[in-house]
Every structure is written in structure tokens, then in C-alpha cells.
Protein backbone atom coordinates (compact mmCIF):
# COMPACT_ATOMS: atom_id res chain seq x y z
CA MET A 1 0.11 0.14 0.14
CA ASN A 2 1.58 3.45 -1.18
CA ARG A 3 1.88 5.82 2.32
CA ARG A 4 -0.56 8.14 0.53
CA ASP A 5 -3.42 5.51 0.17
CA PHE A 6 -4.61 5.41 3.72
CA ILE A 7 -3.79 9.44 4.51
CA LYS A 8 -6.58 11.32 4.48
CA PRO A 9 -5.51 14.77 2.19
CA VAL A 10 -6.95 17.85 3.53
CA THR A 11 -9.03 18.40 0.64
CA THR A 12 -11.37 15.38 1.76
CA ILE A 13 -11.87 16.80 4.90
CA ARG A 14 -15.63 17.84 5.52
CA PHE A 15 -16.30 21.59 6.27
CA CYS A 16 -18.95 23.58 6.00
CA LEU A 17 -18.61 25.89 2.92
CA LEU A 18 -20.95 26.71 0.00
CA THR A 19 -21.21 23.82 -2.59
CA ALA A 20 -20.46 26.95 -5.03
CA LEU A 21 -16.65 27.45 -3.80
CA LEU A 22 -16.00 23.68 -3.76
CA ALA A 23 -17.02 23.84 -7.18
CA ILE A 24 -14.05 26.26 -7.90
CA GLY A 25 -11.44 23.36 -7.88
CA THR A 26 -8.20 24.09 -6.40
CA ILE A 27 -7.07 27.56 -6.34
CA LEU A 28 -3.66 28.23 -6.66
CA LEU A 29 -1.93 31.05 -4.00
CA SER A 30 -0.48 34.19 -5.29
CA PRO A 31 3.10 34.13 -6.81
CA ALA A 32 3.84 36.44 -3.58
CA LEU A 33 2.33 33.81 -1.31
CA THR A 34 4.11 30.72 -2.65
CA ALA A 35 7.68 32.30 -3.47
CA GLN A 36 10.72 30.47 -2.65
CA PRO A 37 13.08 31.68 -0.15
CA ALA A 38 16.46 32.57 -1.69
CA SER A 39 17.97 29.41 0.25
CA GLY A 40 15.98 27.16 -1.48
CA THR A 41 15.37 25.21 1.72
CA VAL A 42 11.67 24.71 1.24
CA ASN A 43 12.33 22.79 -1.93
CA ALA A 44 13.21 19.89 0.45
CA VAL A 45 9.57 19.92 1.80
CA GLU A 46 6.76 18.87 0.07
CA PRO A 47 3.73 20.96 0.98
CA PHE A 48 0.27 19.33 2.18
CA GLU A 49 -2.38 18.51 -0.40
CA ALA A 50 -4.74 21.56 1.25
CA GLY A 51 -4.10 23.52 -2.08
CA GLU A 52 -8.25 24.02 -2.14
CA ILE A 53 -8.86 24.78 1.19
CA SER A 54 -5.85 27.05 1.26
CA GLY A 55 -6.66 28.78 -1.93
CA ILE A 56 -10.37 29.83 -0.66
CA PHE A 57 -8.69 30.83 2.58
CA TYR A 58 -6.53 33.23 0.66
CA ARG A 59 -9.25 34.07 -1.95
CA ASN A 60 -11.53 35.45 1.30
CA ARG A 61 -8.71 37.49 2.41
CA GLN A 62 -7.94 38.91 -0.85
CA ASP A 63 -4.39 37.38 -1.02
CA ALA A 64 -3.29 39.29 2.21
CA SER A 65 -0.83 37.49 4.55
CA ALA A 66 -1.88 35.66 7.26
CA TRP A 67 1.30 35.24 9.19
CA ALA A 68 3.17 38.52 9.02
CA ASP A 69 2.26 38.98 12.69
CA ASP A 70 5.27 37.27 14.35
CA GLU A 71 3.18 37.02 17.46
CA LEU A 72 0.54 34.86 15.53
CA PHE A 73 3.32 32.97 13.95
CA GLU A 74 4.76 32.40 17.23
CA GLN A 75 1.36 30.78 18.66
CA LEU A 76 0.97 28.75 15.23
CA LEU A 77 4.31 27.24 16.77
CA GLN A 78 2.83 26.41 19.97
CA ALA A 79 -0.31 25.38 18.38
CA LEU A 80 1.67 22.69 16.26
CA ALA A 81 3.80 21.59 19.27
CA SER A 82 0.58 20.89 21.09
CA LEU A 83 -0.56 18.11 18.92
CA SER A 84 1.56 15.41 20.58
CA ASP A 85 -0.90 16.08 23.48
CA HIS A 86 -3.53 14.31 21.12
CA GLY A 87 -0.93 11.63 19.79
CA LEU A 88 0.08 13.08 16.66
CA ASP A 89 3.44 13.98 15.93
CA PRO A 90 4.22 17.92 15.14
CA ALA A 91 7.01 17.39 12.98
CA HIS A 92 4.32 16.04 10.46
CA TYR A 93 3.54 19.62 10.35
CA HIS A 94 6.39 21.34 8.90
CA LEU A 95 7.23 22.53 12.59
CA GLN A 96 10.95 22.12 12.26
CA GLN A 97 11.28 23.58 8.98
CA LEU A 98 8.95 26.73 10.37
CA GLU A 99 10.78 27.30 13.47
CA LYS A 100 13.64 27.81 10.74
CA TRP A 101 11.88 30.33 8.98
CA ARG A 102 11.17 32.40 11.78
CA ASN A 103 12.68 35.67 10.25
CA ASP A 104 11.55 34.69 6.94
CA ARG A 105 8.21 36.05 6.84
CA GLN A 106 8.00 35.12 3.06
CA ALA A 107 9.15 31.66 3.52
CA ARG A 108 7.09 30.57 6.43
CA GLU A 109 3.78 31.58 4.92
CA HIS A 110 2.40 29.14 2.45
CA TYR A 111 3.54 26.38 4.58
CA ALA A 112 1.84 27.70 8.01
CA THR A 113 -1.21 27.69 6.23
CA ASP A 114 -1.00 24.53 4.86
CA ALA A 115 0.38 23.09 7.97
CA TRP A 116 -2.77 24.71 10.18
CA PHE A 117 -5.30 23.40 7.47
CA ALA A 118 -3.67 19.94 7.80
CA ALA A 119 -3.71 19.80 11.61
CA ALA A 120 -7.22 20.85 11.79
CA GLY A 121 -8.23 18.47 9.43
CA HIS A 122 -6.61 15.39 11.18
CA MET A 123 -7.64 16.64 14.58
CA LEU A 124 -11.46 17.04 13.17
CA ASN A 125 -11.29 13.85 11.03
CA GLY A 126 -8.40 11.83 11.92
CA LYS A 127 -4.82 11.58 10.07
CA LEU A 128 -5.94 8.13 8.24
CA ASP A 129 -9.06 7.38 6.34
CA PRO A 130 -11.04 4.79 8.19
CA VAL A 131 -11.79 3.17 5.24
CA THR A 132 -8.58 2.00 3.82
CA ILE A 133 -8.01 0.53 7.97
CA ASN A 134 -11.69 -0.88 7.79
CA PRO A 135 -13.30 -0.98 4.52
CA ASP A 136 -16.56 -1.83 6.36
CA TRP A 137 -16.73 1.60 7.92
CA THR A 138 -19.71 3.42 8.13
CA ALA A 139 -19.78 6.16 11.02
CA ARG A 140 -20.35 9.35 9.80
CA GLY A 141 -17.67 11.82 10.47
CA ARG A 142 -17.56 15.74 12.27
CA GLU A 143 -17.77 18.71 10.19
CA ALA A 144 -16.07 22.13 10.87
CA ASP A 145 -15.86 25.53 8.77
CA LEU A 146 -12.06 25.24 8.94
CA VAL A 147 -11.58 28.52 6.80
CA GLY A 148 -13.99 30.32 8.94
CA SER A 149 -12.45 28.97 11.96
CA LEU A 150 -8.85 30.32 10.86
CA GLU A 151 -10.08 33.42 10.10
CA GLN A 152 -11.46 33.91 13.61
CA ALA A 153 -8.21 32.44 15.60
CA LEU A 154 -6.12 35.02 13.88
CA GLU A 155 -8.48 37.92 13.95
CA GLN A 156 -9.18 37.25 17.83
CA ARG A 157 -5.24 35.94 18.31
CA THR A 158 -6.23 32.76 19.58
CA VAL A 159 -4.31 30.38 17.37
CA THR A 160 -2.43 28.98 20.42
CA ASP A 161 -5.42 26.93 21.15
CA SER A 162 -7.15 26.76 17.78
CA PHE A 163 -7.02 23.30 17.62
CA GLU A 164 -8.54 22.22 20.30
CA GLN A 165 -12.02 23.07 19.13
CA PHE A 166 -11.72 20.35 16.94
CA ALA A 167 -10.94 17.60 19.02
CA PRO A 168 -13.62 14.61 19.74
CA GLN A 169 -15.84 15.81 22.55
CA GLN A 170 -16.44 12.45 23.95
CA PRO A 171 -15.34 12.17 27.75
CA GLU A 172 -13.51 8.82 26.95
CA TYR A 173 -11.31 10.99 24.31
CA ARG A 174 -10.21 13.01 27.01
CA MET A 175 -9.72 9.71 29.52
CA LEU A 176 -7.29 8.62 27.05
CA GLN A 177 -5.92 11.81 26.31
CA ARG A 178 -5.17 12.29 30.17
CA GLU A 179 -3.50 8.83 30.26
CA LEU A 180 -1.09 9.76 27.84
CA LEU A 181 0.02 13.22 29.34
CA SER A 182 0.58 10.88 32.57
CA LEU A 183 2.56 8.36 30.91
CA ARG A 184 4.87 11.07 28.96
CA GLN A 185 5.58 12.55 32.49
CA GLN A 186 7.13 9.14 33.53
CA GLN A 187 9.02 8.21 30.39
CA SER A 188 12.43 9.11 32.36
CA THR A 189 11.07 6.05 35.17
CA PRO A 190 12.40 2.70 33.63
CA VAL A 191 10.29 0.07 34.26
CA HIS A 192 11.01 -2.23 37.02
CA GLU A 193 10.82 -5.66 35.39
CA VAL A 194 10.08 -8.82 36.61
CA PRO A 195 12.55 -11.53 35.51
CA ALA A 196 11.14 -14.83 33.79
CA GLY A 197 10.26 -17.98 36.12
CA PRO A 198 8.04 -19.90 37.30
CA LEU A 199 4.26 -18.91 38.24
CA LEU A 200 4.31 -16.81 41.45
CA ARG A 201 1.03 -17.78 43.64
CA ARG A 202 -0.24 -16.77 46.95
CA ALA A 203 1.75 -17.69 49.94
CA MET A 204 5.23 -18.04 47.77
CA ARG A 205 8.42 -16.38 49.01
CA SER A 206 11.48 -15.12 46.13
CA GLU A 207 13.52 -12.54 45.36
CA ARG A 208 11.26 -12.45 42.07
CA VAL A 209 8.03 -11.54 44.02
CA ASP A 210 9.72 -8.69 45.73
CA ASP A 211 10.56 -7.44 41.66
CA LEU A 212 6.79 -7.66 41.33
CA GLN A 213 5.95 -6.05 44.36
CA GLN A 214 8.46 -3.12 42.96
CA ARG A 215 6.58 -3.29 39.79
CA LEU A 216 3.24 -3.17 41.38
CA ILE A 217 4.60 0.00 43.64
CA GLN A 218 5.44 2.02 40.53
CA LEU A 219 1.93 1.06 38.74
CA GLU A 220 0.25 2.55 42.21
CA LEU A 221 -1.59 -0.56 42.52
CA LEU A 222 0.00 -2.18 45.70
CA SER A 223 -1.06 -0.92 49.34
CA PRO A 224 1.78 0.07 51.79
CA ASP A 225 0.67 -2.91 54.15
CA PHE A 226 2.04 -5.64 51.92
CA GLN A 227 5.04 -8.40 53.26
CA PRO A 228 8.26 -7.79 51.40
CA GLY A 229 9.17 -10.94 48.91
CA LEU A 230 5.60 -12.57 49.87
CA MET A 231 2.84 -13.21 47.61
CA ASP A 232 0.80 -12.30 50.61
CA ASP A 233 -3.30 -11.00 50.29
CA ALA A 234 -2.50 -7.40 49.23
CA THR A 235 0.25 -8.82 46.73
CA VAL A 236 -2.34 -10.80 45.17
CA GLU A 237 -5.11 -8.27 45.24
CA ALA A 238 -3.01 -5.85 43.64
CA VAL A 239 -2.02 -8.57 41.01
CA ARG A 240 -6.19 -9.10 40.73
CA VAL A 241 -6.46 -5.32 39.92
CA PHE A 242 -3.70 -5.29 37.14
CA GLN A 243 -5.21 -8.00 35.78
CA ALA A 244 -8.88 -6.81 35.46
CA MET A 245 -7.03 -3.74 34.03
CA HIS A 246 -5.64 -5.61 31.26
CA ASN A 247 -8.62 -7.93 30.64
CA LEU A 248 -6.86 -10.74 31.94
CA ASP A 249 -8.23 -13.60 33.84
CA THR A 250 -8.35 -12.29 37.29
CA ASP A 251 -6.67 -15.52 39.67
CA GLY A 252 -4.10 -13.27 41.12
CA VAL A 253 -1.28 -15.98 40.00
CA VAL A 254 1.66 -14.23 37.89
CA GLY A 255 1.76 -16.25 34.89
CA THR A 256 3.41 -15.35 31.26
CA VAL A 257 0.75 -13.42 30.06
CA THR A 258 0.38 -11.25 33.13
CA LEU A 259 4.29 -11.05 33.14
CA THR A 260 4.48 -9.74 29.97
CA ALA A 261 1.38 -6.94 30.69
CA LEU A 262 3.44 -6.10 33.71
CA ASN A 263 7.02 -5.65 31.73
CA ARG A 264 5.32 -3.74 29.11
CA GLY A 265 7.15 -0.92 28.06
CA LEU A 266 6.00 3.02 28.20
CA GLU A 267 6.33 3.66 24.70
CA GLU A 268 4.13 0.48 23.41
CA LYS A 269 1.49 1.57 26.21
CA LEU A 270 1.95 5.28 24.33
CA ASN A 271 1.63 3.88 21.07
CA GLN A 272 -1.68 1.94 21.61
CA LEU A 273 -2.65 5.28 23.32
CA ARG A 274 -2.02 7.12 19.99
CA VAL A 275 -3.83 4.54 18.17
CA ASN A 276 -7.08 4.65 20.31
CA LEU A 277 -7.08 8.56 20.22
CA GLU A 278 -7.36 8.47 16.36
CA ARG A 279 -9.81 5.79 16.12
CA TRP A 280 -12.09 8.57 18.22
CA ARG A 281 -11.24 11.02 15.70
CA TRP A 282 -13.08 8.86 13.26
CA LEU A 283 -16.27 8.93 14.87
CA PRO A 284 -18.97 11.74 15.30
CA ASP A 285 -19.37 13.74 18.30
CA ASP A 286 -23.27 12.40 18.34
CA LEU A 287 -23.16 8.71 18.60
CA GLY A 288 -27.20 8.90 19.50
CA ARG A 289 -29.24 10.08 22.45
CA ARG A 290 -29.80 6.21 22.77
CA HIS A 291 -26.97 4.14 21.62
CA VAL A 292 -25.23 0.53 21.78
CA ARG A 293 -21.80 0.30 21.75
CA VAL A 294 -19.89 -2.66 20.74
CA ASN A 295 -16.26 -2.89 21.53
CA ILE A 296 -14.94 -5.78 19.58
CA ALA A 297 -11.23 -6.15 21.22
CA GLY A 298 -13.01 -5.16 24.84
CA PHE A 299 -15.76 -8.22 24.47
CA SER A 300 -18.52 -6.14 25.60
CA VAL A 301 -21.65 -4.40 24.64
CA THR A 302 -22.81 -1.12 26.53
CA THR A 303 -25.84 0.78 26.29
CA PHE A 304 -25.54 4.74 26.72
CA GLU A 305 -28.33 7.22 27.35
CA ASP A 306 -27.59 10.92 27.11
CA GLY A 307 -23.85 10.28 27.11
CA GLU A 308 -23.76 8.17 30.46
CA PRO A 309 -23.08 4.39 30.17
CA VAL A 310 -26.68 2.91 31.29
CA ARG A 311 -25.37 -1.25 31.42
CA THR A 312 -22.62 -3.28 29.97
CA HIS A 313 -23.20 -6.88 28.74
CA LEU A 314 -20.10 -9.25 28.36
CA ALA A 315 -20.18 -10.11 24.64
CA ILE A 316 -18.29 -12.92 22.53
CA VAL A 317 -17.28 -11.79 19.25
CA GLY A 318 -15.69 -13.35 15.97
CA LYS A 319 -13.11 -15.76 15.69
CA THR A 320 -9.62 -14.32 14.32
CA TYR A 321 -10.53 -15.75 11.01
CA ARG A 322 -14.26 -14.78 11.21
CA LYS A 323 -13.73 -11.26 12.19
CA THR A 324 -16.48 -9.43 13.61
CA PRO A 325 -16.45 -6.19 11.17
CA VAL A 326 -16.37 -2.54 12.02
CA PHE A 327 -19.47 -0.21 11.31
CA SER A 328 -22.47 1.69 12.14
CA ASP A 329 -26.31 0.97 11.93
CA GLN A 330 -29.56 1.34 13.22
CA ILE A 331 -31.12 -1.43 15.45
CA GLU A 332 -34.62 -1.50 14.19
CA TYR A 333 -36.42 -4.84 15.20
CA LEU A 334 -35.74 -7.94 17.48
CA ILE A 335 -37.29 -11.34 17.18
CA PHE A 336 -37.60 -13.55 19.84
CA ASN A 337 -37.64 -17.29 19.80
CA PRO A 338 -35.99 -17.06 16.34
CA TRP A 339 -35.48 -19.48 14.01
CA TRP A 340 -31.77 -19.89 12.92
CA GLU A 341 -30.76 -19.59 9.21
CA VAL A 342 -27.71 -21.22 9.06
CA PRO A 343 -25.44 -19.68 6.53
CA ALA A 344 -24.41 -21.70 3.81
CA SER A 345 -20.17 -21.25 4.73
CA ILE A 346 -20.79 -22.37 8.49
CA ALA A 347 -23.43 -25.27 7.30
CA LYS A 348 -20.74 -26.44 4.83
CA VAL A 349 -17.50 -25.94 7.26
CA ASP A 350 -19.29 -26.45 10.77
CA LYS A 351 -22.22 -28.32 10.48
CA LEU A 352 -21.69 -31.06 7.60
CA PRO A 353 -18.96 -32.53 9.87
CA LEU A 354 -20.98 -32.95 12.71
CA PHE A 355 -23.87 -34.45 10.84
CA ARG A 356 -21.59 -36.80 9.27
CA SER A 357 -19.96 -37.82 12.85
CA GLU A 358 -23.29 -37.77 14.19
CA PRO A 359 -26.37 -37.86 11.74
CA GLU A 360 -28.32 -38.01 14.84
CA LEU A 361 -28.12 -34.58 15.99
CA VAL A 362 -29.83 -33.17 12.96
CA ARG A 363 -33.27 -34.11 14.87
CA GLU A 364 -31.69 -33.70 18.32
CA LEU A 365 -30.74 -30.25 17.62
CA GLY A 366 -33.63 -29.05 16.13
CA PHE A 367 -32.31 -28.55 12.51
CA HIS A 368 -34.67 -28.86 9.48
CA VAL A 369 -32.53 -29.67 6.01
CA LEU A 370 -34.48 -28.19 3.01
CA ASP A 371 -33.81 -28.37 -0.75
CA SER A 372 -33.42 -25.89 -3.06
CA SER A 373 -37.42 -25.15 -3.21
CA GLY A 374 -37.36 -24.95 0.18
CA GLN A 375 -39.14 -28.27 1.10
CA ASP A 376 -38.71 -29.82 4.05
CA LEU A 377 -36.29 -32.97 3.75
CA ASP A 378 -36.09 -36.45 6.08
CA PRO A 379 -32.47 -35.91 7.42
CA ASP A 380 -32.31 -39.79 7.83
CA GLY A 381 -32.88 -40.27 4.47
CA ILE A 382 -29.74 -38.41 3.45
CA ASP A 383 -26.30 -39.83 3.38
CA TRP A 384 -24.20 -37.17 4.89
CA ASN A 385 -20.75 -39.05 4.14
CA ARG A 386 -21.57 -38.67 0.30
CA VAL A 387 -22.56 -35.25 0.99
CA THR A 388 -19.21 -32.75 0.54
CA PRO A 389 -18.71 -29.20 0.57
CA GLY A 390 -18.67 -29.07 -3.34
CA ASN A 391 -21.98 -30.78 -3.93
CA PHE A 392 -23.86 -29.49 -0.41
CA ALA A 393 -27.13 -28.25 -1.92
CA TYR A 394 -29.30 -27.88 1.14
CA ARG A 395 -30.73 -25.02 3.24
CA ILE A 396 -30.21 -25.83 7.06
CA ARG A 397 -32.70 -23.69 9.98
CA GLN A 398 -32.61 -24.58 13.18
CA GLU A 399 -35.89 -24.28 14.93
CA PRO A 400 -36.66 -22.30 18.44
CA GLY A 401 -35.72 -24.08 21.50
CA ILE A 402 -32.65 -24.55 24.30
CA ASN A 403 -30.41 -25.81 21.50
CA ASN A 404 -30.96 -23.03 19.15
CA ALA A 405 -27.57 -21.25 18.55
CA LEU A 406 -29.37 -17.71 18.90
CA GLY A 407 -30.88 -18.31 22.04
CA GLN A 408 -33.76 -16.63 22.95
CA VAL A 409 -33.43 -13.43 20.82
CA LYS A 410 -31.75 -11.78 18.07
CA ILE A 411 -31.49 -8.20 17.82
CA MET A 412 -31.37 -6.84 14.32
CA PHE A 413 -29.63 -3.95 12.38
CA PRO A 414 -30.05 -5.08 8.87
CA ASN A 415 -26.57 -5.01 7.09
CA VAL A 416 -24.66 -6.44 3.92
CA HIS A 417 -22.40 -8.39 6.98
CA ASN A 418 -25.30 -10.58 8.16
CA VAL A 419 -24.30 -9.49 11.54
CA TYR A 420 -26.68 -8.82 14.63
CA LEU A 421 -26.57 -9.53 18.29
CA HIS A 422 -27.88 -12.37 19.85
CA ASP A 423 -28.62 -14.47 22.85
CA THR A 424 -26.28 -17.98 23.23
CA PRO A 425 -26.78 -21.56 24.52
CA THR A 426 -23.08 -21.63 25.66
CA GLN A 427 -23.58 -19.12 28.45
CA GLY A 428 -20.39 -20.87 30.05
CA LEU A 429 -18.20 -19.37 27.67
CA PHE A 430 -18.63 -15.86 29.02
CA GLN A 431 -16.77 -16.81 31.88
CA GLN A 432 -13.46 -16.70 29.94
CA GLN A 433 -11.84 -13.41 29.42
CA GLN A 434 -11.22 -13.67 26.09
CA ARG A 435 -14.27 -14.52 24.01
CA ALA A 436 -13.42 -14.77 20.30
CA PHE A 437 -15.45 -17.88 19.46
CA SER A 438 -18.16 -16.45 16.89
CA SER A 439 -18.61 -16.72 13.63
CA GLY A 440 -19.01 -12.47 13.13
CA CYS A 441 -22.26 -12.06 15.17
CA VAL A 442 -22.08 -10.87 18.58
CA ARG A 443 -23.09 -12.92 21.33
CA THR A 444 -24.63 -11.40 24.26
CA GLN A 445 -24.86 -12.10 27.86
CA TYR A 446 -28.24 -11.26 29.80
CA PRO A 447 -30.11 -10.45 26.34
CA LEU A 448 -33.47 -10.47 27.23
CA GLU A 449 -32.64 -7.11 29.71
CA LEU A 450 -30.83 -5.42 26.85
CA ALA A 451 -34.01 -6.13 24.80
CA ALA A 452 -36.21 -4.63 27.41
CA TRP A 453 -33.76 -1.51 27.04
CA LEU A 454 -34.21 -1.37 23.65
CA LEU A 455 -38.04 -1.50 23.86
CA GLU A 456 -38.38 1.06 26.72
CA GLU A 457 -39.36 3.68 23.89
CA THR A 458 -41.93 0.82 22.55
CA PRO A 459 -45.06 1.06 23.89
CA GLY A 460 -46.64 -2.07 25.46
CA TRP A 461 -43.02 -3.83 25.92
CA ASP A 462 -41.10 -4.41 29.52
CA LEU A 463 -39.37 -7.42 30.91
CA ASP A 464 -42.19 -9.21 32.06
CA ARG A 465 -43.98 -9.12 28.77
CA ILE A 466 -40.81 -10.18 27.20
CA HIS A 467 -40.78 -13.18 29.45
CA THR A 468 -44.27 -14.23 28.56
CA VAL A 469 -43.19 -14.09 24.85
CA VAL A 470 -40.40 -16.26 25.35
CA GLU A 471 -42.01 -18.86 27.47
CA SER A 472 -44.61 -19.23 24.41
CA GLY A 473 -41.99 -20.61 22.16
CA LYS A 474 -43.26 -18.75 19.24
CA GLU A 475 -41.14 -16.71 16.54
CA THR A 476 -42.41 -12.94 17.46
CA ARG A 477 -40.99 -9.82 15.47
CA VAL A 478 -41.01 -6.59 17.76
CA ASN A 479 -40.39 -3.42 15.80
CA LEU A 480 -38.81 -0.76 17.85
CA THR A 481 -40.65 2.96 17.73
CA ASN A 482 -37.37 4.53 17.62
CA ARG A 483 -34.30 2.98 16.21
CA VAL A 484 -31.31 2.87 17.98
CA PRO A 485 -27.97 3.89 16.51
CA VAL A 486 -25.55 0.62 17.04
CA HIS A 487 -21.86 1.12 16.67
CA VAL A 488 -19.40 -1.79 16.43
CA LEU A 489 -16.04 -0.65 17.17
CA TYR A 490 -12.61 -1.53 17.93
CA PHE A 491 -10.87 -0.02 20.78
CA THR A 492 -7.70 -1.34 22.64
CA VAL A 493 -7.50 1.27 25.33
CA VAL A 494 -10.64 1.75 27.48
CA ALA A 495 -11.71 4.85 29.73
CA GLN A 496 -13.17 3.07 32.96
CA GLU A 497 -16.38 4.57 34.42
CA HIS A 498 -14.61 5.64 37.77
CA GLY A 499 -11.41 7.04 35.96
CA GLY A 500 -7.94 5.38 34.68
CA VAL A 501 -7.90 3.23 31.38
CA ARG A 502 -7.92 -0.45 30.77
CA TYR A 503 -5.50 -1.76 28.09
CA LEU A 504 -6.73 -4.83 26.23
CA ASP A 505 -5.12 -7.06 23.70
CA ASP A 506 -5.00 -6.24 20.23
CA LEU A 507 -7.46 -9.30 19.33
CA TYR A 508 -7.28 -8.92 15.56
CA ASP A 509 -3.84 -7.20 15.36
CA ARG A 510 -5.22 -4.19 14.00
CA ASP A 511 -3.40 -1.49 16.00
CA LYS A 512 0.26 -1.96 13.86
CA THR A 513 -1.75 -0.67 10.79
CA VAL A 514 -3.02 2.33 12.31
CA LEU A 515 0.23 3.00 14.10
CA SER A 516 2.21 2.80 11.18
CA GLY A 517 0.14 5.24 9.33
CA LEU A 518 0.04 8.04 12.02
CA GLN A 519 4.10 7.40 12.31
CA LYS A 520 4.46 8.23 8.47
CA ASN A 521 5.53 12.17 7.59
CA PHE A 522 3.76 12.59 4.37
CA SER A 523 4.71 16.08 4.49
CA GLN A 524 8.21 14.73 3.04
């Protein structure tokens, strides 16, 4: 992939200007504003792809200089330097070159404007194009009048803080940002590593336990009443808190996985924060007054109302080879006691081997076999050993009941991925911390309670009625009076409700691609 393929050009940023202005096309700056310095140093720096919006900006001001005022130019340098507080690299916005051109007003003009528009655009909608990272991306970005914003900042002499208005307004973004700033202050302190070795369990004594305790103190997790060198109650509890923060099994035992997380360096965490700040910049500020967020990497489904989390459900998401896609949609209806229409790929790959080895399970598990015309077939009359994925010509359905793979309810937001939320008969899987077991859909714990929340604005429905319908065993569809937005997202650092953040495993190995894009300096 070419490095520019997934970096978002500033000309594609959504800003509120009249269509007539945009129809003008790329407007070149006047010769006076694009002149090169005598030294020729500008030739070593490629301009950003902001020609169109820069042209509109200078047209509006009759080509008057924006940065002849040295104080405003210094404010711009401060503003660009502050981008690091949002996980963006100021060096990617001509900062070093502009610092060299402090005394060359002619040289700095064009690049200063380009830098401002590029930085503002990247703060507004992200540096990277989310569609190139996640092809299924459907969430709408945020909008702003970038030209008007720069004009106002220059007039009011508030360039220093002018990028802050474009940062996401979600409280989770600010919590991740605070964590970034906090970790940066700790960069001079090396991580106290815990050496590799046997499992560390309750009541054990060793020098490695002492190292563990020093690391937990460094993380501000260990209470002061611990006994040095002993895996006492205080130490075990601190380990459990650490494990919960990192979505690990909270057994209080330090094994390979917990040890790796404990010894993770600050730079790795900083990069993880930078990646997830970028993901927030891809999202709109308004996710919906009432909405549902699925965090694939966090194995969770959370409902929100008026900006506040209402309830969180454990979730099971797609396996690493059947990934749950990232996209946004609208929940339209629920189906209680659903039939399961088995997708052809699952029928061939998962069910066919099962039917071959234990054909009696076709009936026992409530599966129906239909031919191409939709007629029910007698499964006992099929020689499953003669059926292959290549000649598989059946449609498989599973009737409602205790064995139904969708459980008691499915929550529908029709989409091209055929992904939805649903119940599951395999409740034991929710006891595991890493829950990537599905074929792409999202299995949800306590789905009837989630259904009741979704139906709160649909007259006549509450949890009691839901239980009555479920007990009837009949498939029942209920349309929501008001559709509820659902956002299926992928965050590997998440804000906690009572402060702090949790670092999660990069389940689908997606952070590297985002980080690589953020680290590319497309101004060179």
C-alpha cells in the first residue's frame, strides 16, 4: 500500500462551505505567497495536499498575508507543538522547518497555512482514512468550517488553542488523552521489570516476588501494608486489579501472559494510546441520544443514554479468522424465539462434519434440512458421508428452543455483513476473559435485559412481557418505535467508568496498521 493511500488528504475533510466555492476547484496562491526563499530550503519540503482549502482561504482575504504578524506565527508554532498532546507528531506538520523560517516571512507563509489546515483537518476527522483501515466503516465524520475557524483565530489572536475545538468531545477521548500526558511524564522512569520464571502464587516467597511488588508500587496498585518478598493478600489483590485493568483472567497468579503485561514498556502503551485517540477522531461527536456500543477488543456491549453508560453486557465476538466487522447502523427490530437460518458457509464448514459424525444430532438439535425449492427433507434419508462442501445443495434451519444457536432473541440491524446481536445457549463461554468464539455475530450475556432497554420507548413492552413471549416458544418480531444507533467498534484502550483506562489485547492485530500510518510523515 502506498503511504498516501490511507492518509486522508486535507481536501477531503468535511468542512461547511458553499458548494459553489468548492466547485471552483484548486485555487493557486498568488506568486507573492508561494515564492521560495533564496536559500532554496523549501524545495526539500513537499507541501500538504491542502491547495483547495488554502486557496479559498486566501481568496476570502484578497491574498493578504496571514502570518506576517510574528506573534501569531509564534502562536502557530505553539499550537503545532501541542498536537503531541493528542497523539499526533508535530514534526509531520512542518514544525521544524517553520521554526527555521521565523525570520523569513515570505518563506513561512504558505507552509504555515498548509500546516494549520492539515493539523485542523486531522484533529477533526483523523489523520488516516478509516475506510482504508476498516473497509466496512460507515460512521459519519465530524464537520467544521475550517476556513472560518482559521480566520476567527487570527482575528481574535487565539491561534495557540485553535486546534482544541476540533478534538472529539467524547469524555472517553479526554480520559485517554490524560493517560497519554501522564505516561509521558513518566518516560524518564524505567520500568521495573519482573524476571521470567515459575508461576507466582499466593504464599510464595522469592526475590521475584520482591520485583513484582516493586513493579506494582510503580503502577500505584500495591497498598502499603504488604510483606516484602511474600505473595501475601495485598500483593495478590494488586495483581488481580492489574489483571482486570488489562482484561486478563483475574486469578491473582502471575504467569506468562500477566508477566508480559507487567513488563510492557511505556512507549508501547503510548503508541497504543495514540492509535486509540486516532480511532476516536474517526467518530461523530453525536453517537445517538440512546445508542449501543460494541467493543470487539473489549468483548463488551454497552448501552448509553444522554452520554452516560447505562448497562454493560459481556460479549462473544468473531474468531480471528471470522472477524466481527467494524461499522455503524440502526437497530430496527427484535425477534424472540428466532429460527436460525444457518449461513451456507457455516453449514458447509461447521455443520456438515457434525452431521457426518453424528447424523442423529440433526433432529436432536432441532435442525431442518430443506432442498433448493424450500421443501423439508427427511434428514435420515440423506447419506451425509456422500455430501461434500462442493455438492452441498441444502438449506439448513434450526427451530427455536434450548439448543438454538441464537438463543431466545436476536437484535437486528440489517446490514451487508449479516451481523447482529443475539443470545446463546453456551453461557459458560462468558466465564472466559478472551471470548473470540463466534462466526462474526455478537453473542450477548443477559440479552433479554438488553432487549427490555431497547424496547423502553416502544409502548406495551417491558421485561415481564418479554418473558411471557419467550415462554410461548413462538417466533415473535417486535419493531422498535424509535430505532437505536449501534456502533460496532474496535478499541484496545478504553476509559473506565470511575477513572483510569484499561489496556486490552489487540485481538485482530489491527493496531500496527494504524500506528504505521500515524508514524508516516507525508509532508516529506
